[in-house]
Amino acid sequence: MDAQLRRGILEVCVLKALAEGESYGYQIIKDISPYIAMSESTLYPILKRLEASGALTAFSREHNGRLRRYYAITGEGLSRIGAFLTEWEEMTRAYEFIKGVNHHEKG
């Protein structure tokens, strides 16, 4: 898979995981892993980019006597999920055309 396409998909997967509720790094990886592989070394740069772009916010909270970094999606992040889904529909139509799935009769 093209590296940029994969990166974009991973970003949207992170946002979708956060759309279900605030979370932290390890839990985000667990939530996403049944669908697509992601390592910590991939996740944390994505989280930084998404935070810098305003798609999520980050905050620290104590958990078992230690501070843990949590992330929450913003309205901008939700909008990015919607935009991705719209673009994906277009990509699906292009894929079907390339594969010859939908043959439209010319007339």
Protein backbone atom coordinates (compact mmCIF):
# COMPACT_ATOMS: atom_id res chain seq x y z
CA MET A 1 0.00 0.00 0.00
CA ASP A 2 1.24 3.49 -0.79
CA ALA A 3 2.87 5.02 2.32
CA GLN A 4 0.88 8.26 2.18
CA LEU A 5 -2.41 6.43 1.70
CA ARG A 6 -1.60 4.14 4.63
CA ARG A 7 -0.67 7.11 6.81
CA GLY A 8 -3.95 8.82 5.98
CA ILE A 9 -5.92 5.67 6.76
CA LEU A 10 -4.08 5.22 10.06
CA GLU A 11 -4.82 8.82 11.03
CA VAL A 12 -8.53 8.32 10.39
CA CYS A 13 -8.45 5.03 12.34
CA VAL A 14 -6.97 6.89 15.32
CA LEU A 15 -9.66 9.55 15.04
CA LYS A 16 -12.38 6.88 14.82
CA ALA A 17 -11.02 5.16 17.94
CA LEU A 18 -11.21 8.51 19.73
CA ALA A 19 -14.71 9.18 18.38
CA GLU A 20 -15.77 6.32 20.67
CA GLY A 21 -14.39 8.24 23.67
CA GLU A 22 -11.16 9.66 25.07
CA SER A 23 -8.31 7.20 25.26
CA TYR A 24 -4.56 6.72 25.66
CA GLY A 25 -1.88 5.31 23.38
CA TYR A 26 -1.82 1.65 24.35
CA GLN A 27 -5.63 1.42 24.30
CA ILE A 28 -5.82 3.13 20.90
CA ILE A 29 -3.44 0.52 19.47
CA LYS A 30 -5.56 -2.27 20.99
CA ASP A 31 -8.74 -0.77 19.54
CA ILE A 32 -7.28 -0.44 16.04
CA SER A 33 -5.22 -3.64 15.86
CA PRO A 34 -8.09 -5.99 14.83
CA TYR A 35 -8.41 -3.89 11.67
CA ILE A 36 -4.93 -2.66 10.75
CA ALA A 37 -1.46 -3.09 12.26
CA MET A 38 -0.04 -0.14 14.15
CA SER A 39 2.97 0.14 16.43
CA GLU A 40 3.74 2.67 19.15
CA SER A 41 6.47 4.14 16.95
CA THR A 42 3.80 4.83 14.31
CA LEU A 43 1.05 5.96 16.68
CA TYR A 44 2.79 8.73 18.62
CA PRO A 45 3.88 10.78 15.58
CA ILE A 46 0.31 10.48 14.27
CA LEU A 47 -1.07 11.70 17.60
CA LYS A 48 1.32 14.69 17.51
CA ARG A 49 0.30 15.58 13.94
CA LEU A 50 -3.40 15.27 14.74
CA GLU A 51 -2.99 17.42 17.85
CA ALA A 52 -1.03 20.07 15.93
CA SER A 53 -3.75 20.17 13.26
CA GLY A 54 -6.52 20.62 15.84
CA ALA A 55 -8.13 17.22 15.16
CA LEU A 56 -7.62 16.12 18.76
CA THR A 57 -6.65 17.47 22.15
CA ALA A 58 -4.29 15.92 24.67
CA PHE A 59 -4.24 16.08 28.45
CA SER A 60 -2.69 14.23 31.35
CA ARG A 61 -4.58 12.40 34.05
CA GLU A 62 -3.41 10.31 36.97
CA HIS A 63 -3.91 6.57 36.64
CA ASN A 64 -2.64 4.15 39.32
CA GLY A 65 -0.37 6.84 40.77
CA ARG A 66 1.17 7.79 37.43
CA LEU A 67 0.33 10.45 34.88
CA ARG A 68 -1.07 9.06 31.66
CA ARG A 69 -1.53 11.07 28.45
CA TYR A 70 -5.09 10.95 27.13
CA TYR A 71 -6.45 12.11 23.80
CA ALA A 72 -9.90 13.32 22.79
CA ILE A 73 -11.31 14.04 19.34
CA THR A 74 -12.43 17.56 18.43
CA GLY A 75 -15.06 18.79 15.97
CA GLU A 76 -12.26 19.15 13.42
CA GLY A 77 -11.37 15.50 13.94
CA LEU A 78 -14.97 14.42 13.42
CA SER A 79 -15.06 16.49 10.22
CA ARG A 80 -11.93 14.72 8.99
CA ILE A 81 -13.62 11.34 9.46
CA GLY A 82 -16.58 12.57 7.39
CA ALA A 83 -14.31 13.94 4.66
CA PHE A 84 -12.39 10.66 4.54
CA LEU A 85 -15.60 8.66 4.14
CA THR A 86 -16.73 10.91 1.29
CA GLU A 87 -13.35 10.58 -0.45
CA TRP A 88 -13.37 6.83 0.12
CA GLU A 89 -16.71 6.51 -1.67
CA GLU A 90 -15.12 8.17 -4.69
CA MET A 91 -12.09 5.87 -4.44
CA THR A 92 -14.42 2.87 -4.29
CA ARG A 93 -16.17 3.97 -7.49
CA ALA A 94 -12.78 4.40 -9.20
CA TYR A 95 -11.70 0.95 -7.98
CA GLU A 96 -14.89 -0.59 -9.35
CA PHE A 97 -14.29 1.13 -12.69
CA ILE A 98 -10.69 -0.06 -12.87
CA LYS A 99 -11.66 -3.59 -11.89
CA GLY A 100 -14.60 -3.59 -14.30
CA VAL A 101 -17.17 -4.26 -11.58
CA ASN A 102 -19.79 -1.76 -12.75
CA HIS A 103 -20.16 -1.75 -16.50
CA HIS A 104 -22.36 1.13 -17.46
CA GLU A 105 -23.91 0.77 -20.86
CA LYS A 106 -23.07 3.57 -23.24
CA GLY A 107 -26.00 4.88 -25.11
